[in-house]
Amino acid sequence: VETVAKAGLAAAKGQSSSDKALNKTLTDIATLQTTDGRSVKEVLAMAVGSLRENLDISRIEMIVGPKDSHLIGYSHPK
């Protein structure tokens, strides 16, 4: 999960928000590369093999904004 999150963050760094608004972007997992050059699909396949659990991540949703913006979240469990 950490490797996939880092790949998503690296992809988000290449994007910028030209205005004061936050931009939401969906990225297909198949197009992401990890910091060591492997595809995210390959990393997931290796994790499935070692954990013997099915893992499926189809996309990453990124929120990109100006440098001075702050994003705060809250999740309430059911």
PDB file of N, CA and C in Angstrom:
ATOM      1  N   VAL A   1       0.837  -1.192   0.000  1.00  0.00           N
ATOM      2  CA  VAL A   1       0.000   0.000   0.000  1.00  0.00           C
ATOM      3  C   VAL A   1       0.878   1.251   0.000  1.00  0.00           C
ATOM      4  N   GLU A   2       1.957   1.226   0.792  1.00  0.00           N
ATOM      5  CA  GLU A   2       2.844   2.389   0.854  1.00  0.00           C
ATOM      6  C   GLU A   2       3.469   2.684  -0.510  1.00  0.00           C
ATOM      7  N   THR A   3       3.885   1.647  -1.221  1.00  0.00           N
ATOM      8  CA  THR A   3       4.491   1.829  -2.538  1.00  0.00           C
ATOM      9  C   THR A   3       3.503   2.420  -3.522  1.00  0.00           C
ATOM     10  N   VAL A   4       2.267   1.954  -3.478  1.00  0.00           N
ATOM     11  CA  VAL A   4       1.220   2.473  -4.367  1.00  0.00           C
ATOM     12  C   VAL A   4       0.916   3.927  -4.021  1.00  0.00           C
ATOM     13  N   ALA A   5       0.841   4.255  -2.735  1.00  0.00           N
ATOM     14  CA  ALA A   5       0.580   5.633  -2.323  1.00  0.00           C
ATOM     15  C   ALA A   5       1.704   6.564  -2.768  1.00  0.00           C
ATOM     16  N   LYS A   6       2.948   6.110  -2.641  1.00  0.00           N
ATOM     17  CA  LYS A   6       4.087   6.925  -3.075  1.00  0.00           C
ATOM     18  C   LYS A   6       4.071   7.147  -4.584  1.00  0.00           C
ATOM     19  N   ALA A   7       3.670   6.137  -5.343  1.00  0.00           N
ATOM     20  CA  ALA A   7       3.567   6.285  -6.794  1.00  0.00           C
ATOM     21  C   ALA A   7       2.495   7.311  -7.141  1.00  0.00           C
ATOM     22  N   GLY A   8       1.371   7.284  -6.417  1.00  0.00           N
ATOM     23  CA  GLY A   8       0.310   8.268  -6.632  1.00  0.00           C
ATOM     24  C   GLY A   8       0.761   9.676  -6.290  1.00  0.00           C
ATOM     25  N   LEU A   9       1.506   9.807  -5.192  1.00  0.00           N
ATOM     26  CA  LEU A   9       2.026  11.127  -4.811  1.00  0.00           C
ATOM     27  C   LEU A   9       3.024  11.654  -5.829  1.00  0.00           C
ATOM     28  N   ALA A  10       3.867  10.780  -6.343  1.00  0.00           N
ATOM     29  CA  ALA A  10       4.828  11.192  -7.365  1.00  0.00           C
ATOM     30  C   ALA A  10       4.109  11.676  -8.624  1.00  0.00           C
ATOM     31  N   ALA A  11       3.021  10.996  -8.992  1.00  0.00           N
ATOM     32  CA  ALA A  11       2.234  11.412 -10.160  1.00  0.00           C
ATOM     33  C   ALA A  11       1.562  12.755  -9.901  1.00  0.00           C
ATOM     34  N   ALA A  12       1.119  12.976  -8.678  1.00  0.00           N
ATOM     35  CA  ALA A  12       0.449  14.235  -8.347  1.00  0.00           C
ATOM     36  C   ALA A  12       1.418  15.408  -8.375  1.00  0.00           C
ATOM     37  N   LYS A  13       2.698  15.171  -8.053  1.00  0.00           N
ATOM     38  CA  LYS A  13       3.687  16.251  -8.073  1.00  0.00           C
ATOM     39  C   LYS A  13       3.854  16.829  -9.464  1.00  0.00           C
ATOM     40  N   GLY A  14       3.600  16.023 -10.477  1.00  0.00           N
ATOM     41  CA  GLY A  14       3.710  16.500 -11.850  1.00  0.00           C
ATOM     42  C   GLY A  14       2.546  17.364 -12.281  1.00  0.00           C
ATOM     43  N   GLN A  15       1.524  17.419 -11.473  1.00  0.00           N
ATOM     44  CA  GLN A  15       0.339  18.223 -11.780  1.00  0.00           C
ATOM     45  C   GLN A  15       0.340  19.458 -10.898  1.00  0.00           C
ATOM     46  N   SER A  16      -0.275  20.504 -11.378  1.00  0.00           N
ATOM     47  CA  SER A  16      -0.381  21.705 -10.557  1.00  0.00           C
ATOM     48  C   SER A  16      -1.747  22.335 -10.734  1.00  0.00           C
ATOM     49  N   SER A  17      -2.111  23.112  -9.774  1.00  0.00           N
ATOM     50  CA  SER A  17      -3.369  23.837  -9.830  1.00  0.00           C
ATOM     51  C   SER A  17      -3.042  25.273 -10.184  1.00  0.00           C
ATOM     52  N   SER A  18      -3.517  25.737 -11.322  1.00  0.00           N
ATOM     53  CA  SER A  18      -3.181  27.074 -11.790  1.00  0.00           C
ATOM     54  C   SER A  18      -4.015  28.158 -11.106  1.00  0.00           C
ATOM     55  N   ASP A  19      -5.085  27.766 -10.454  1.00  0.00           N
ATOM     56  CA  ASP A  19      -5.916  28.745  -9.770  1.00  0.00           C
ATOM     57  C   ASP A  19      -5.949  28.429  -8.280  1.00  0.00           C
ATOM     58  N   LYS A  20      -6.835  29.042  -7.577  1.00  0.00           N
ATOM     59  CA  LYS A  20      -6.937  28.829  -6.133  1.00  0.00           C
ATOM     60  C   LYS A  20      -7.755  27.594  -5.774  1.00  0.00           C
ATOM     61  N   ALA A  21      -8.314  26.918  -6.768  1.00  0.00           N
ATOM     62  CA  ALA A  21      -9.173  25.764  -6.510  1.00  0.00           C
ATOM     63  C   ALA A  21      -8.358  24.479  -6.417  1.00  0.00           C
ATOM     64  N   LEU A  22      -8.941  23.499  -5.764  1.00  0.00           N
ATOM     65  CA  LEU A  22      -8.359  22.156  -5.725  1.00  0.00           C
ATOM     66  C   LEU A  22      -8.862  21.382  -6.930  1.00  0.00           C
ATOM     67  N   ASN A  23      -7.992  20.633  -7.557  1.00  0.00           N
ATOM     68  CA  ASN A  23      -8.378  19.816  -8.701  1.00  0.00           C
ATOM     69  C   ASN A  23      -8.342  18.351  -8.305  1.00  0.00           C
ATOM     70  N   LYS A  24      -9.406  17.644  -8.617  1.00  0.00           N
ATOM     71  CA  LYS A  24      -9.488  16.215  -8.315  1.00  0.00           C
ATOM     72  C   LYS A  24      -9.204  15.435  -9.597  1.00  0.00           C
ATOM     73  N   THR A  25      -8.301  14.472  -9.522  1.00  0.00           N
ATOM     74  CA  THR A  25      -7.893  13.704 -10.686  1.00  0.00           C
ATOM     75  C   THR A  25      -7.934  12.220 -10.367  1.00  0.00           C
ATOM     76  N   LEU A  26      -8.492  11.450 -11.274  1.00  0.00           N
ATOM     77  CA  LEU A  26      -8.468   9.995 -11.152  1.00  0.00           C
ATOM     78  C   LEU A  26      -7.343   9.480 -12.039  1.00  0.00           C
ATOM     79  N   THR A  27      -6.500   8.631 -11.494  1.00  0.00           N
ATOM     80  CA  THR A  27      -5.383   8.075 -12.249  1.00  0.00           C
ATOM     81  C   THR A  27      -5.525   6.566 -12.324  1.00  0.00           C
ATOM     82  N   ASP A  28      -5.370   6.047 -13.527  1.00  0.00           N
ATOM     83  CA  ASP A  28      -5.428   4.602 -13.735  1.00  0.00           C
ATOM     84  C   ASP A  28      -4.161   3.974 -13.181  1.00  0.00           C
ATOM     85  N   ILE A  29      -4.301   2.952 -12.381  1.00  0.00           N
ATOM     86  CA  ILE A  29      -3.164   2.260 -11.763  1.00  0.00           C
ATOM     87  C   ILE A  29      -2.197   1.735 -12.823  1.00  0.00           C
ATOM     88  N   ALA A  30      -2.700   1.314 -13.951  1.00  0.00           N
ATOM     89  CA  ALA A  30      -1.859   0.704 -14.983  1.00  0.00           C
ATOM     90  C   ALA A  30      -0.800   1.668 -15.515  1.00  0.00           C
ATOM     91  N   THR A  31      -1.007   2.956 -15.380  1.00  0.00           N
ATOM     92  CA  THR A  31      -0.063   3.935 -15.917  1.00  0.00           C
ATOM     93  C   THR A  31       0.978   4.391 -14.900  1.00  0.00           C
ATOM     94  N   LEU A  32       0.841   4.011 -13.635  1.00  0.00           N
ATOM     95  CA  LEU A  32       1.752   4.496 -12.600  1.00  0.00           C
ATOM     96  C   LEU A  32       3.014   3.657 -12.489  1.00  0.00           C
ATOM     97  N   GLN A  33       4.121   4.328 -12.212  1.00  0.00           N
ATOM     98  CA  GLN A  33       5.410   3.679 -11.984  1.00  0.00           C
ATOM     99  C   GLN A  33       5.854   3.970 -10.557  1.00  0.00           C
ATOM    100  N   THR A  34       6.507   2.991  -9.930  1.00  0.00           N
ATOM    101  CA  THR A  34       7.046   3.194  -8.586  1.00  0.00           C
ATOM    102  C   THR A  34       8.365   3.951  -8.683  1.00  0.00           C
ATOM    103  N   THR A  35       8.904   4.339  -7.544  1.00  0.00           N
ATOM    104  CA  THR A  35      10.159   5.097  -7.539  1.00  0.00           C
ATOM    105  C   THR A  35      11.336   4.261  -8.045  1.00  0.00           C
ATOM    106  N   ASP A  36      11.228   2.934  -7.987  1.00  0.00           N
ATOM    107  CA  ASP A  36      12.308   2.089  -8.494  1.00  0.00           C
ATOM    108  C   ASP A  36      12.061   1.615  -9.928  1.00  0.00           C
ATOM    109  N   GLY A  37      11.056   2.218 -10.601  1.00  0.00           N
ATOM    110  CA  GLY A  37      10.822   1.948 -12.015  1.00  0.00           C
ATOM    111  C   GLY A  37       9.895   0.790 -12.329  1.00  0.00           C
ATOM    112  N   ARG A  38       9.403   0.087 -11.318  1.00  0.00           N
ATOM    113  CA  ARG A  38       8.456  -1.003 -11.565  1.00  0.00           C
ATOM    114  C   ARG A  38       7.053  -0.436 -11.742  1.00  0.00           C
ATOM    115  N   SER A  39       6.226  -1.187 -12.443  1.00  0.00           N
ATOM    116  CA  SER A  39       4.834  -0.757 -12.564  1.00  0.00           C
ATOM    117  C   SER A  39       4.094  -1.097 -11.270  1.00  0.00           C
ATOM    118  N   VAL A  40       3.083  -0.322 -10.964  1.00  0.00           N
ATOM    119  CA  VAL A  40       2.285  -0.578  -9.765  1.00  0.00           C
ATOM    120  C   VAL A  40       1.565  -1.920  -9.901  1.00  0.00           C
ATOM    121  N   LYS A  41       1.170  -2.275 -11.130  1.00  0.00           N
ATOM    122  CA  LYS A  41       0.533  -3.583 -11.340  1.00  0.00           C
ATOM    123  C   LYS A  41       1.481  -4.708 -10.949  1.00  0.00           C
ATOM    124  N   GLU A  42       2.771  -4.558 -11.264  1.00  0.00           N
ATOM    125  CA  GLU A  42       3.758  -5.573 -10.903  1.00  0.00           C
ATOM    126  C   GLU A  42       3.909  -5.672  -9.388  1.00  0.00           C
ATOM    127  N   VAL A  43       3.948  -4.534  -8.716  1.00  0.00           N
ATOM    128  CA  VAL A  43       4.074  -4.521  -7.252  1.00  0.00           C
ATOM    129  C   VAL A  43       2.871  -5.210  -6.613  1.00  0.00           C
ATOM    130  N   LEU A  44       1.676  -4.940  -7.127  1.00  0.00           N
ATOM    131  CA  LEU A  44       0.472  -5.587  -6.602  1.00  0.00           C
ATOM    132  C   LEU A  44       0.506  -7.092  -6.836  1.00  0.00           C
ATOM    133  N   ALA A  45       0.973  -7.517  -8.007  1.00  0.00           N
ATOM    134  CA  ALA A  45       1.057  -8.952  -8.301  1.00  0.00           C
ATOM    135  C   ALA A  45       2.027  -9.642  -7.342  1.00  0.00           C
ATOM    136  N   MET A  46       3.143  -8.995  -7.042  1.00  0.00           N
ATOM    137  CA  MET A  46       4.111  -9.571  -6.111  1.00  0.00           C
ATOM    138  C   MET A  46       3.510  -9.658  -4.700  1.00  0.00           C
ATOM    139  N   ALA A  47       2.747  -8.646  -4.304  1.00  0.00           N
ATOM    140  CA  ALA A  47       2.116  -8.650  -2.986  1.00  0.00           C
ATOM    141  C   ALA A  47       1.075  -9.767  -2.888  1.00  0.00           C
ATOM    142  N   VAL A  48       0.308  -9.957  -3.948  1.00  0.00           N
ATOM    143  CA  VAL A  48      -0.685 -11.034  -3.963  1.00  0.00           C
ATOM    144  C   VAL A  48       0.013 -12.377  -3.793  1.00  0.00           C
ATOM    145  N   GLY A  49       1.143 -12.552  -4.458  1.00  0.00           N
ATOM    146  CA  GLY A  49       1.879 -13.807  -4.355  1.00  0.00           C
ATOM    147  C   GLY A  49       2.422 -14.061  -2.963  1.00  0.00           C
ATOM    148  N   SER A  50       2.915 -13.030  -2.312  1.00  0.00           N
ATOM    149  CA  SER A  50       3.508 -13.241  -0.987  1.00  0.00           C
ATOM    150  C   SER A  50       2.459 -13.274   0.128  1.00  0.00           C
ATOM    151  N   LEU A  51       1.397 -12.501  -0.006  1.00  0.00           N
ATOM    152  CA  LEU A  51       0.361 -12.464   1.033  1.00  0.00           C
ATOM    153  C   LEU A  51      -0.696 -13.547   0.858  1.00  0.00           C
ATOM    154  N   ARG A  52      -0.813 -14.045  -0.362  1.00  0.00           N
ATOM    155  CA  ARG A  52      -1.843 -15.021  -0.713  1.00  0.00           C
ATOM    156  C   ARG A  52      -3.257 -14.475  -0.449  1.00  0.00           C
ATOM    157  N   GLU A  53      -3.377 -13.199  -0.685  1.00  0.00           N
ATOM    158  CA  GLU A  53      -4.669 -12.504  -0.583  1.00  0.00           C
ATOM    159  C   GLU A  53      -4.892 -11.753  -1.889  1.00  0.00           C
ATOM    160  N   ASN A  54      -6.131 -11.663  -2.323  1.00  0.00           N
ATOM    161  CA  ASN A  54      -6.432 -10.936  -3.537  1.00  0.00           C
ATOM    162  C   ASN A  54      -6.429  -9.436  -3.247  1.00  0.00           C
ATOM    163  N   LEU A  55      -5.660  -8.692  -4.002  1.00  0.00           N
ATOM    164  CA  LEU A  55      -5.606  -7.236  -3.880  1.00  0.00           C
ATOM    165  C   LEU A  55      -6.049  -6.634  -5.200  1.00  0.00           C
ATOM    166  N   ASP A  56      -6.887  -5.619  -5.141  1.00  0.00           N
ATOM    167  CA  ASP A  56      -7.333  -4.961  -6.365  1.00  0.00           C
ATOM    168  C   ASP A  56      -7.437  -3.469  -6.112  1.00  0.00           C
ATOM    169  N   ILE A  57      -6.601  -2.719  -6.772  1.00  0.00           N
ATOM    170  CA  ILE A  57      -6.676  -1.255  -6.726  1.00  0.00           C
ATOM    171  C   ILE A  57      -6.808  -0.814  -8.177  1.00  0.00           C
ATOM    172  N   SER A  58      -7.928  -0.222  -8.535  1.00  0.00           N
ATOM    173  CA  SER A  58      -8.163   0.128  -9.932  1.00  0.00           C
ATOM    174  C   SER A  58      -7.758   1.561 -10.266  1.00  0.00           C
ATOM    175  N   ARG A  59      -7.780   2.440  -9.282  1.00  0.00           N
ATOM    176  CA  ARG A  59      -7.408   3.832  -9.551  1.00  0.00           C
ATOM    177  C   ARG A  59      -7.039   4.520  -8.248  1.00  0.00           C
ATOM    178  N   ILE A  60      -6.379   5.649  -8.389  1.00  0.00           N
ATOM    179  CA  ILE A  60      -6.043   6.493  -7.246  1.00  0.00           C
ATOM    180  C   ILE A  60      -6.667   7.856  -7.497  1.00  0.00           C
ATOM    181  N   GLU A  61      -7.324   8.385  -6.504  1.00  0.00           N
ATOM    182  CA  GLU A  61      -7.913   9.704  -6.614  1.00  0.00           C
ATOM    183  C   GLU A  61      -6.977  10.688  -5.921  1.00  0.00           C
ATOM    184  N   MET A  62      -6.523  11.688  -6.679  1.00  0.00           N
ATOM    185  CA  MET A  62      -5.594  12.683  -6.150  1.00  0.00           C
ATOM    186  C   MET A  62      -6.270  14.045  -6.116  1.00  0.00           C
ATOM    187  N   ILE A  63      -5.978  14.785  -5.084  1.00  0.00           N
ATOM    188  CA  ILE A  63      -6.458  16.156  -4.974  1.00  0.00           C
ATOM    189  C   ILE A  63      -5.230  17.049  -4.989  1.00  0.00           C
ATOM    190  N   VAL A  64      -5.143  17.921  -5.997  1.00  0.00           N
ATOM    191  CA  VAL A  64      -3.980  18.774  -6.186  1.00  0.00           C
ATOM    192  C   VAL A  64      -4.417  20.219  -6.056  1.00  0.00           C
ATOM    193  N   GLY A  65      -3.649  20.996  -5.301  1.00  0.00           N
ATOM    194  CA  GLY A  65      -3.965  22.407  -5.120  1.00  0.00           C
ATOM    195  C   GLY A  65      -2.713  23.255  -5.051  1.00  0.00           C
ATOM    196  N   PRO A  66      -2.900  24.554  -4.895  1.00  0.00           N
ATOM    197  CA  PRO A  66      -1.756  25.454  -4.774  1.00  0.00           C
ATOM    198  C   PRO A  66      -0.915  25.101  -3.545  1.00  0.00           C
ATOM    199  N   LYS A  67       0.354  25.501  -3.554  1.00  0.00           N
ATOM    200  CA  LYS A  67       1.263  25.173  -2.461  1.00  0.00           C
ATOM    201  C   LYS A  67       0.770  25.644  -1.101  1.00  0.00           C
ATOM    202  N   ASP A  68       0.079  26.741  -1.036  1.00  0.00           N
ATOM    203  CA  ASP A  68      -0.350  27.293   0.253  1.00  0.00           C
ATOM    204  C   ASP A  68      -1.695  26.728   0.732  1.00  0.00           C
ATOM    205  N   SER A  69      -2.240  25.729   0.034  1.00  0.00           N
ATOM    206  CA  SER A  69      -3.530  25.171   0.440  1.00  0.00           C
ATOM    207  C   SER A  69      -3.336  24.056   1.459  1.00  0.00           C
ATOM    208  N   HIS A  70      -4.367  23.826   2.254  1.00  0.00           N
ATOM    209  CA  HIS A  70      -4.366  22.779   3.270  1.00  0.00           C
ATOM    210  C   HIS A  70      -5.588  21.902   3.052  1.00  0.00           C
ATOM    211  N   LEU A  71      -5.397  20.610   3.139  1.00  0.00           N
ATOM    212  CA  LEU A  71      -6.493  19.670   2.985  1.00  0.00           C
ATOM    213  C   LEU A  71      -6.668  18.945   4.306  1.00  0.00           C
ATOM    214  N   ILE A  72      -7.879  18.984   4.821  1.00  0.00           N
ATOM    215  CA  ILE A  72      -8.173  18.350   6.105  1.00  0.00           C
ATOM    216  C   ILE A  72      -9.313  17.368   5.873  1.00  0.00           C
ATOM    217  N   GLY A  73      -9.182  16.192   6.442  1.00  0.00           N
ATOM    218  CA  GLY A  73     -10.220  15.178   6.265  1.00  0.00           C
ATOM    219  C   GLY A  73     -10.693  14.629   7.595  1.00  0.00           C
ATOM    220  N   TYR A  74     -11.865  14.029   7.547  1.00  0.00           N
ATOM    221  CA  TYR A  74     -12.424  13.396   8.728  1.00  0.00           C
ATOM    222  C   TYR A  74     -13.208  12.185   8.272  1.00  0.00           C
ATOM    223  N   SER A  75     -13.046  11.095   8.958  1.00  0.00           N
ATOM    224  CA  SER A  75     -13.796   9.884   8.639  1.00  0.00           C
ATOM    225  C   SER A  75     -14.468   9.393   9.902  1.00  0.00           C
ATOM    226  N   HIS A  76     -15.741   9.128   9.805  1.00  0.00           N
ATOM    227  CA  HIS A  76     -16.493   8.629  10.950  1.00  0.00           C
ATOM    228  C   HIS A  76     -16.827   7.166  10.688  1.00  0.00           C
ATOM    229  N   PRO A  77     -16.323   6.264  11.508  1.00  0.00           N
ATOM    230  CA  PRO A  77     -16.630   4.843  11.277  1.00  0.00           C
ATOM    231  C   PRO A  77     -18.106   4.537  11.499  1.00  0.00           C
ATOM    232  N   LYS A  78     -18.582   3.540  10.799  1.00  0.00           N
ATOM    233  CA  LYS A  78     -19.990   3.147  10.953  1.00  0.00           C
ATOM    234  C   LYS A  78     -20.192   2.362  12.203  1.00  0.00           C
TER     235      LYS A  78
END
